[in-house]
């Protein structure tokens, strides 16, 4: 449903969701662009994202990958029971 901006109240205009603001907020995460670049370059395993990034800890990387997955930027494939076989890929 598309609303006419002229008929919105001040409160509705102020708190209306803005897709550009949402994506800017999402991409402003410290590691998101680094991970996206790595995925474009062919890296797909968890530990590959940490190479040459000593300040990137497991918790931060896991949280970033989960957020990207929740927002349908990437998807995860588990190959077997070993968590080391988990790979991440960009969605179309």
Protein backbone atom coordinates (compact mmCIF):
# COMPACT_ATOMS: atom_id res chain seq x y z
CA UNK A 1 0.00 0.00 0.00
CA UNK A 2 1.49 3.32 -1.09
CA UNK A 3 0.61 6.30 1.04
CA UNK A 4 0.39 9.84 -0.18
CA UNK A 5 3.23 11.71 1.60
CA UNK A 6 1.11 14.87 1.76
CA UNK A 7 -1.48 13.07 3.91
CA UNK A 8 0.98 11.56 6.39
CA UNK A 9 1.13 12.99 9.88
CA UNK A 10 4.36 14.43 11.22
CA UNK A 11 4.94 11.26 13.25
CA UNK A 12 4.36 9.00 10.22
CA UNK A 13 6.78 11.01 8.07
CA UNK A 14 9.42 11.08 10.79
CA UNK A 15 9.35 7.35 11.47
CA UNK A 16 8.61 6.04 8.01
CA UNK A 17 11.10 3.35 6.95
CA UNK A 18 13.61 4.48 4.42
CA UNK A 19 15.24 1.70 2.35
CA UNK A 20 18.31 3.80 1.58
CA UNK A 21 18.83 4.50 5.26
CA UNK A 22 18.40 0.80 6.06
CA UNK A 23 21.03 -0.34 3.55
CA UNK A 24 23.45 2.42 4.60
CA UNK A 25 23.10 1.36 8.22
CA UNK A 26 23.63 -2.27 7.28
CA UNK A 27 26.71 -1.62 5.12
CA UNK A 28 28.27 0.65 7.73
CA UNK A 29 29.15 -2.45 9.77
CA UNK A 30 32.92 -2.59 10.09
CA UNK A 31 33.32 -6.01 8.43
CA UNK A 32 30.41 -6.29 5.97
CA UNK A 33 32.16 -4.71 2.98
CA UNK A 34 35.34 -6.71 3.67
CA UNK A 35 33.38 -9.95 3.67
CA UNK A 36 31.45 -8.99 0.53
CA UNK A 37 34.74 -8.25 -1.23
CA UNK A 38 36.18 -11.59 -0.13
CA UNK A 39 33.11 -13.40 -1.43
CA UNK A 40 33.47 -11.66 -4.80
CA UNK A 41 37.11 -12.79 -4.87
CA UNK A 42 36.12 -16.43 -4.30
CA UNK A 43 36.66 -16.95 -0.57
CA UNK A 44 33.91 -19.02 0.99
CA UNK A 45 35.10 -20.60 4.27
CA UNK A 46 34.85 -19.00 7.70
CA UNK A 47 38.61 -18.94 8.38
CA UNK A 48 39.37 -17.48 4.93
CA UNK A 49 37.56 -14.29 5.93
CA UNK A 50 39.90 -13.87 8.90
CA UNK A 51 43.16 -14.04 6.91
CA UNK A 52 45.21 -10.83 7.39
CA UNK A 53 42.60 -9.44 9.81
CA UNK A 54 43.89 -10.03 13.35
CA UNK A 55 41.27 -7.76 14.92
CA UNK A 56 38.38 -9.79 13.46
CA UNK A 57 37.39 -12.31 16.12
CA UNK A 58 35.14 -15.34 15.68
CA UNK A 59 32.18 -13.76 17.47
CA UNK A 60 32.18 -10.62 15.31
CA UNK A 61 32.57 -12.64 12.12
CA UNK A 62 29.77 -15.03 13.09
CA UNK A 63 27.45 -12.13 13.93
CA UNK A 64 28.23 -10.37 10.64
CA UNK A 65 27.70 -13.52 8.57
CA UNK A 66 24.42 -14.22 10.39
CA UNK A 67 23.18 -10.68 9.74
CA UNK A 68 24.11 -10.96 6.07
CA UNK A 69 22.30 -14.29 5.89
CA UNK A 70 19.20 -12.87 7.60
CA UNK A 71 19.15 -10.06 5.01
CA UNK A 72 19.46 -12.52 2.09
CA UNK A 73 22.84 -11.25 0.90
CA UNK A 74 24.52 -14.60 1.40
CA UNK A 75 23.56 -18.20 1.97
CA UNK A 76 25.32 -21.00 3.80
CA UNK A 77 25.92 -24.62 2.77
CA UNK A 78 26.97 -27.27 5.28
CA UNK A 79 28.93 -30.13 3.72
CA UNK A 80 28.56 -32.96 6.19
CA UNK A 81 28.83 -32.98 9.96
CA UNK A 82 32.11 -31.07 10.15
CA UNK A 83 31.53 -27.32 10.74
CA UNK A 84 34.82 -26.63 8.92
CA UNK A 85 33.09 -27.67 5.71
CA UNK A 86 30.59 -24.80 5.93
CA UNK A 87 30.75 -22.49 2.94
CA UNK A 88 29.19 -19.08 2.31
CA UNK A 89 28.07 -17.78 -1.08
CA UNK A 90 26.51 -14.58 -2.44
CA UNK A 91 22.86 -14.72 -3.39
CA UNK A 92 21.71 -13.60 -6.81
